[in-house]
Amino acid sequence: MDGIFLGKLDMPPALKTAVQQIRQSLGSCSAYTVVRLEDNLKLRYYFGGLDVACLETPEGKMVVASGLAGTGEVRERLQSLPADILPRVTLLFPEPWVEMPTTPVTNK
């Protein structure tokens, strides 16, 4: 099946910085949590503002379709997937990427 594994996408400097900042604020966290954090930030960075269909696989989260809302791109791609895969597909709507502030924001 064709798709884009989030774990194989590049981690640009802005994403690396965001991951580091969030990890610092969380303290210690599991490898699973780090992968989920990276996947969610990659979704925003690469697919923010689009409708995205994802499938969890043993190799990680795979984007099987993406497109602008209302264009039918995602629906068309989903219709081409095997019927036994469809119940495992999750539709996501990641927010557009916005650079994280380099210093913490405080309420003062």
N, C-alpha and C. Protein backbone atom coordinates (compact mmCIF):
# COMPACT_ATOMS: atom_id res chain seq x y z
N MET A 1 0.85 -1.18 0.00
CA MET A 1 0.00 0.00 0.00
C MET A 1 0.89 1.24 0.00
N ASP A 2 0.51 2.22 -0.78
CA ASP A 2 1.25 3.48 -0.85
C ASP A 2 0.88 4.37 0.32
N GLY A 3 1.86 5.11 0.78
CA GLY A 3 1.63 6.07 1.85
C GLY A 3 2.95 6.68 2.28
N ILE A 4 2.86 7.61 3.19
CA ILE A 4 4.04 8.32 3.69
C ILE A 4 4.16 8.02 5.18
N PHE A 5 5.23 7.36 5.55
CA PHE A 5 5.47 7.09 6.97
C PHE A 5 5.99 8.36 7.62
N LEU A 6 5.31 8.82 8.66
CA LEU A 6 5.73 10.04 9.34
C LEU A 6 7.14 9.90 9.91
N GLY A 7 7.48 8.73 10.39
CA GLY A 7 8.80 8.50 10.97
C GLY A 7 9.93 8.64 9.98
N LYS A 8 9.63 8.56 8.69
CA LYS A 8 10.67 8.66 7.67
C LYS A 8 10.81 10.08 7.11
N LEU A 9 9.90 10.97 7.48
CA LEU A 9 10.00 12.35 7.02
C LEU A 9 11.14 13.06 7.75
N ASP A 10 11.78 13.99 7.05
CA ASP A 10 12.86 14.76 7.66
C ASP A 10 12.37 15.54 8.86
N MET A 11 13.30 15.79 9.77
CA MET A 11 13.02 16.60 10.96
C MET A 11 13.79 17.91 10.80
N PRO A 12 13.17 18.92 10.18
CA PRO A 12 13.83 20.22 9.99
C PRO A 12 14.18 20.84 11.34
N PRO A 13 15.10 21.81 11.35
CA PRO A 13 15.51 22.45 12.60
C PRO A 13 14.35 22.98 13.44
N ALA A 14 13.35 23.57 12.81
CA ALA A 14 12.22 24.11 13.56
C ALA A 14 11.48 23.01 14.32
N LEU A 15 11.35 21.84 13.70
CA LEU A 15 10.71 20.72 14.38
C LEU A 15 11.58 20.19 15.51
N LYS A 16 12.87 20.07 15.26
CA LYS A 16 13.77 19.60 16.31
C LYS A 16 13.70 20.50 17.53
N THR A 17 13.69 21.80 17.29
CA THR A 17 13.61 22.76 18.39
C THR A 17 12.30 22.60 19.15
N ALA A 18 11.20 22.46 18.42
CA ALA A 18 9.89 22.30 19.06
C ALA A 18 9.85 21.03 19.91
N VAL A 19 10.38 19.93 19.38
CA VAL A 19 10.40 18.67 20.13
C VAL A 19 11.22 18.83 21.40
N GLN A 20 12.38 19.46 21.29
CA GLN A 20 13.24 19.66 22.46
C GLN A 20 12.54 20.51 23.52
N GLN A 21 11.88 21.58 23.11
CA GLN A 21 11.20 22.46 24.06
C GLN A 21 10.07 21.72 24.77
N ILE A 22 9.30 20.95 24.02
CA ILE A 22 8.18 20.23 24.63
C ILE A 22 8.69 19.13 25.56
N ARG A 23 9.73 18.44 25.13
CA ARG A 23 10.30 17.38 25.99
C ARG A 23 10.83 17.96 27.29
N GLN A 24 11.44 19.13 27.22
CA GLN A 24 11.93 19.78 28.44
C GLN A 24 10.78 20.11 29.38
N SER A 25 9.69 20.58 28.81
CA SER A 25 8.54 20.94 29.65
C SER A 25 7.86 19.71 30.25
N LEU A 26 7.95 18.57 29.56
CA LEU A 26 7.33 17.34 30.05
C LEU A 26 8.19 16.62 31.08
N GLY A 27 9.48 16.84 31.03
CA GLY A 27 10.38 16.06 31.88
C GLY A 27 10.65 14.73 31.20
N SER A 28 10.84 13.70 31.99
CA SER A 28 11.12 12.39 31.39
C SER A 28 9.85 11.83 30.77
N CYS A 29 10.01 11.18 29.63
CA CYS A 29 8.87 10.56 28.97
C CYS A 29 9.35 9.33 28.21
N SER A 30 8.42 8.45 27.92
CA SER A 30 8.74 7.19 27.26
C SER A 30 9.08 7.41 25.79
N ALA A 31 9.74 6.43 25.20
CA ALA A 31 10.05 6.47 23.77
C ALA A 31 8.76 6.55 22.96
N TYR A 32 7.72 5.87 23.41
CA TYR A 32 6.43 5.91 22.74
C TYR A 32 5.89 7.34 22.70
N THR A 33 6.00 8.05 23.82
CA THR A 33 5.52 9.43 23.89
C THR A 33 6.32 10.33 22.95
N VAL A 34 7.61 10.12 22.86
CA VAL A 34 8.46 10.92 21.97
C VAL A 34 8.06 10.70 20.52
N VAL A 35 7.83 9.45 20.15
CA VAL A 35 7.41 9.15 18.76
C VAL A 35 6.08 9.81 18.46
N ARG A 36 5.13 9.73 19.39
CA ARG A 36 3.82 10.37 19.19
C ARG A 36 3.96 11.88 19.06
N LEU A 37 4.79 12.47 19.89
CA LEU A 37 5.05 13.91 19.83
C LEU A 37 5.61 14.29 18.47
N GLU A 38 6.64 13.56 18.04
CA GLU A 38 7.26 13.85 16.74
C GLU A 38 6.25 13.68 15.60
N ASP A 39 5.46 12.60 15.65
CA ASP A 39 4.45 12.37 14.61
C ASP A 39 3.44 13.51 14.56
N ASN A 40 2.96 13.95 15.71
CA ASN A 40 1.97 15.03 15.73
C ASN A 40 2.55 16.33 15.20
N LEU A 41 3.79 16.63 15.55
CA LEU A 41 4.40 17.86 15.04
C LEU A 41 4.68 17.76 13.54
N LYS A 42 5.07 16.58 13.07
CA LYS A 42 5.28 16.39 11.63
C LYS A 42 3.97 16.54 10.88
N LEU A 43 2.88 16.03 11.45
CA LEU A 43 1.57 16.21 10.81
C LEU A 43 1.27 17.69 10.63
N ARG A 44 1.51 18.48 11.67
CA ARG A 44 1.25 19.92 11.58
C ARG A 44 2.20 20.58 10.57
N TYR A 45 3.47 20.22 10.62
CA TYR A 45 4.48 20.86 9.77
C TYR A 45 4.24 20.55 8.29
N TYR A 46 4.03 19.29 7.97
CA TYR A 46 3.91 18.88 6.57
C TYR A 46 2.48 18.89 6.03
N PHE A 47 1.48 18.69 6.91
CA PHE A 47 0.10 18.53 6.45
C PHE A 47 -0.88 19.49 7.11
N GLY A 48 -0.38 20.47 7.85
CA GLY A 48 -1.24 21.40 8.55
C GLY A 48 -2.20 22.11 7.62
N GLY A 49 -3.47 22.17 8.02
CA GLY A 49 -4.49 22.82 7.21
C GLY A 49 -5.16 21.91 6.20
N LEU A 50 -4.71 20.66 6.10
CA LEU A 50 -5.29 19.70 5.17
C LEU A 50 -6.09 18.65 5.92
N ASP A 51 -6.98 17.98 5.21
CA ASP A 51 -7.60 16.77 5.73
C ASP A 51 -6.59 15.64 5.51
N VAL A 52 -6.40 14.80 6.51
CA VAL A 52 -5.39 13.75 6.43
C VAL A 52 -6.00 12.44 6.90
N ALA A 53 -5.77 11.38 6.14
CA ALA A 53 -6.19 10.03 6.53
C ALA A 53 -4.94 9.24 6.89
N CYS A 54 -4.93 8.69 8.11
CA CYS A 54 -3.75 7.96 8.60
C CYS A 54 -4.11 6.53 8.97
N LEU A 55 -3.10 5.69 8.91
CA LEU A 55 -3.23 4.30 9.27
C LEU A 55 -2.09 3.94 10.20
N GLU A 56 -2.40 3.36 11.35
CA GLU A 56 -1.36 2.87 12.26
C GLU A 56 -0.88 1.52 11.73
N THR A 57 0.42 1.38 11.59
CA THR A 57 1.00 0.13 11.12
C THR A 57 2.10 -0.29 12.11
N PRO A 58 2.58 -1.51 12.01
CA PRO A 58 3.70 -1.91 12.87
C PRO A 58 4.94 -1.04 12.66
N GLU A 59 5.08 -0.44 11.49
CA GLU A 59 6.22 0.42 11.19
C GLU A 59 5.98 1.87 11.62
N GLY A 60 4.79 2.19 12.11
CA GLY A 60 4.47 3.55 12.54
C GLY A 60 3.28 4.11 11.80
N LYS A 61 2.99 5.38 12.08
CA LYS A 61 1.83 6.04 11.47
C LYS A 61 2.13 6.38 10.00
N MET A 62 1.18 6.01 9.12
CA MET A 62 1.33 6.25 7.69
C MET A 62 0.17 7.13 7.20
N VAL A 63 0.52 8.19 6.48
CA VAL A 63 -0.49 9.02 5.83
C VAL A 63 -0.84 8.35 4.52
N VAL A 64 -2.11 7.97 4.37
CA VAL A 64 -2.56 7.29 3.16
C VAL A 64 -3.27 8.24 2.20
N ALA A 65 -3.68 9.40 2.70
CA ALA A 65 -4.33 10.39 1.84
C ALA A 65 -4.29 11.75 2.52
N SER A 66 -4.19 12.79 1.71
CA SER A 66 -4.27 14.16 2.23
C SER A 66 -4.77 15.06 1.12
N GLY A 67 -5.43 16.14 1.52
CA GLY A 67 -5.93 17.08 0.54
C GLY A 67 -6.72 18.20 1.19
N LEU A 68 -7.00 19.21 0.41
CA LEU A 68 -7.78 20.34 0.90
C LEU A 68 -9.22 19.91 1.17
N ALA A 69 -9.77 20.41 2.24
CA ALA A 69 -11.16 20.09 2.59
C ALA A 69 -12.09 20.48 1.45
N GLY A 70 -13.04 19.60 1.16
CA GLY A 70 -14.06 19.90 0.15
C GLY A 70 -13.65 19.58 -1.28
N THR A 71 -12.41 19.15 -1.50
CA THR A 71 -11.98 18.87 -2.88
C THR A 71 -12.26 17.44 -3.31
N GLY A 72 -12.52 16.56 -2.35
CA GLY A 72 -12.77 15.16 -2.68
C GLY A 72 -11.52 14.32 -2.83
N GLU A 73 -10.34 14.93 -2.68
CA GLU A 73 -9.09 14.19 -2.85
C GLU A 73 -8.96 13.03 -1.87
N VAL A 74 -9.26 13.30 -0.60
CA VAL A 74 -9.14 12.26 0.41
C VAL A 74 -10.17 11.16 0.17
N ARG A 75 -11.40 11.53 -0.12
CA ARG A 75 -12.45 10.55 -0.38
C ARG A 75 -12.07 9.64 -1.55
N GLU A 76 -11.57 10.23 -2.63
CA GLU A 76 -11.19 9.43 -3.80
C GLU A 76 -10.10 8.42 -3.44
N ARG A 77 -9.10 8.86 -2.69
CA ARG A 77 -8.01 7.97 -2.31
C ARG A 77 -8.52 6.86 -1.39
N LEU A 78 -9.40 7.22 -0.44
CA LEU A 78 -9.92 6.21 0.47
C LEU A 78 -10.74 5.16 -0.26
N GLN A 79 -11.45 5.56 -1.31
CA GLN A 79 -12.25 4.62 -2.08
C GLN A 79 -11.39 3.59 -2.80
N SER A 80 -10.12 3.91 -3.00
CA SER A 80 -9.23 2.97 -3.69
C SER A 80 -8.54 2.00 -2.73
N LEU A 81 -8.72 2.20 -1.41
CA LEU A 81 -8.10 1.31 -0.44
C LEU A 81 -8.90 0.02 -0.29
N PRO A 82 -8.22 -1.06 0.09
CA PRO A 82 -8.95 -2.31 0.34
C PRO A 82 -9.98 -2.14 1.46
N ALA A 83 -11.11 -2.77 1.32
CA ALA A 83 -12.22 -2.61 2.27
C ALA A 83 -11.82 -2.98 3.69
N ASP A 84 -10.93 -3.94 3.87
CA ASP A 84 -10.55 -4.36 5.22
C ASP A 84 -9.64 -3.34 5.91
N ILE A 85 -9.09 -2.41 5.16
CA ILE A 85 -8.21 -1.36 5.72
C ILE A 85 -9.04 -0.18 6.24
N LEU A 86 -10.12 0.14 5.58
CA LEU A 86 -10.91 1.34 5.89
C LEU A 86 -11.29 1.50 7.36
N PRO A 87 -11.72 0.45 8.06
CA PRO A 87 -12.08 0.64 9.48
C PRO A 87 -10.89 1.07 10.35
N ARG A 88 -9.68 0.85 9.89
CA ARG A 88 -8.49 1.19 10.68
C ARG A 88 -7.94 2.59 10.35
N VAL A 89 -8.55 3.26 9.37
CA VAL A 89 -8.10 4.59 8.96
C VAL A 89 -8.69 5.64 9.90
N THR A 90 -7.84 6.58 10.30
CA THR A 90 -8.26 7.69 11.15
C THR A 90 -8.18 8.98 10.35
N LEU A 91 -9.24 9.78 10.39
CA LEU A 91 -9.23 11.07 9.72
C LEU A 91 -8.77 12.13 10.71
N LEU A 92 -7.79 12.92 10.30
CA LEU A 92 -7.23 13.96 11.15
C LEU A 92 -7.28 15.30 10.43
N PHE A 93 -7.25 16.36 11.21
CA PHE A 93 -7.30 17.71 10.67
C PHE A 93 -6.26 18.55 11.40
N PRO A 94 -4.97 18.31 11.11
CA PRO A 94 -3.92 19.01 11.86
C PRO A 94 -3.94 20.52 11.63
N GLU A 95 -3.69 21.24 12.71
CA GLU A 95 -3.59 22.69 12.63
C GLU A 95 -2.36 23.06 11.80
N PRO A 96 -2.40 24.18 11.12
CA PRO A 96 -1.21 24.62 10.38
C PRO A 96 -0.03 24.86 11.33
N TRP A 97 1.16 24.62 10.82
CA TRP A 97 2.38 24.81 11.60
C TRP A 97 2.60 26.28 11.89
N VAL A 98 2.93 26.57 13.13
CA VAL A 98 3.30 27.92 13.54
C VAL A 98 4.58 27.76 14.35
N GLU A 99 5.59 28.56 14.03
CA GLU A 99 6.85 28.48 14.77
C GLU A 99 6.58 28.66 16.26
N MET A 100 7.23 27.84 17.05
CA MET A 100 7.10 27.96 18.50
C MET A 100 7.99 29.09 18.98
N PRO A 101 7.57 29.80 20.02
CA PRO A 101 8.42 30.87 20.55
C PRO A 101 9.71 30.28 21.11
N THR A 102 10.80 31.02 20.99
CA THR A 102 12.08 30.53 21.47
C THR A 102 12.22 30.68 22.98
N THR A 103 11.38 31.51 23.58
CA THR A 103 11.39 31.65 25.04
C THR A 103 10.00 31.34 25.54
N PRO A 104 9.90 30.77 26.73
CA PRO A 104 8.58 30.43 27.26
C PRO A 104 7.69 31.66 27.40
N VAL A 105 6.42 31.48 27.15
CA VAL A 105 5.44 32.53 27.33
C VAL A 105 4.94 32.44 28.77
N THR A 106 4.90 33.57 29.46
CA THR A 106 4.41 33.56 30.84
C THR A 106 3.31 34.57 31.00
N ASN A 107 2.50 34.40 32.00
CA ASN A 107 1.44 35.36 32.32
C ASN A 107 1.95 36.32 33.37
N LYS A 108 2.45 37.46 32.95
CA LYS A 108 2.93 38.47 33.88
C LYS A 108 2.25 39.78 33.60
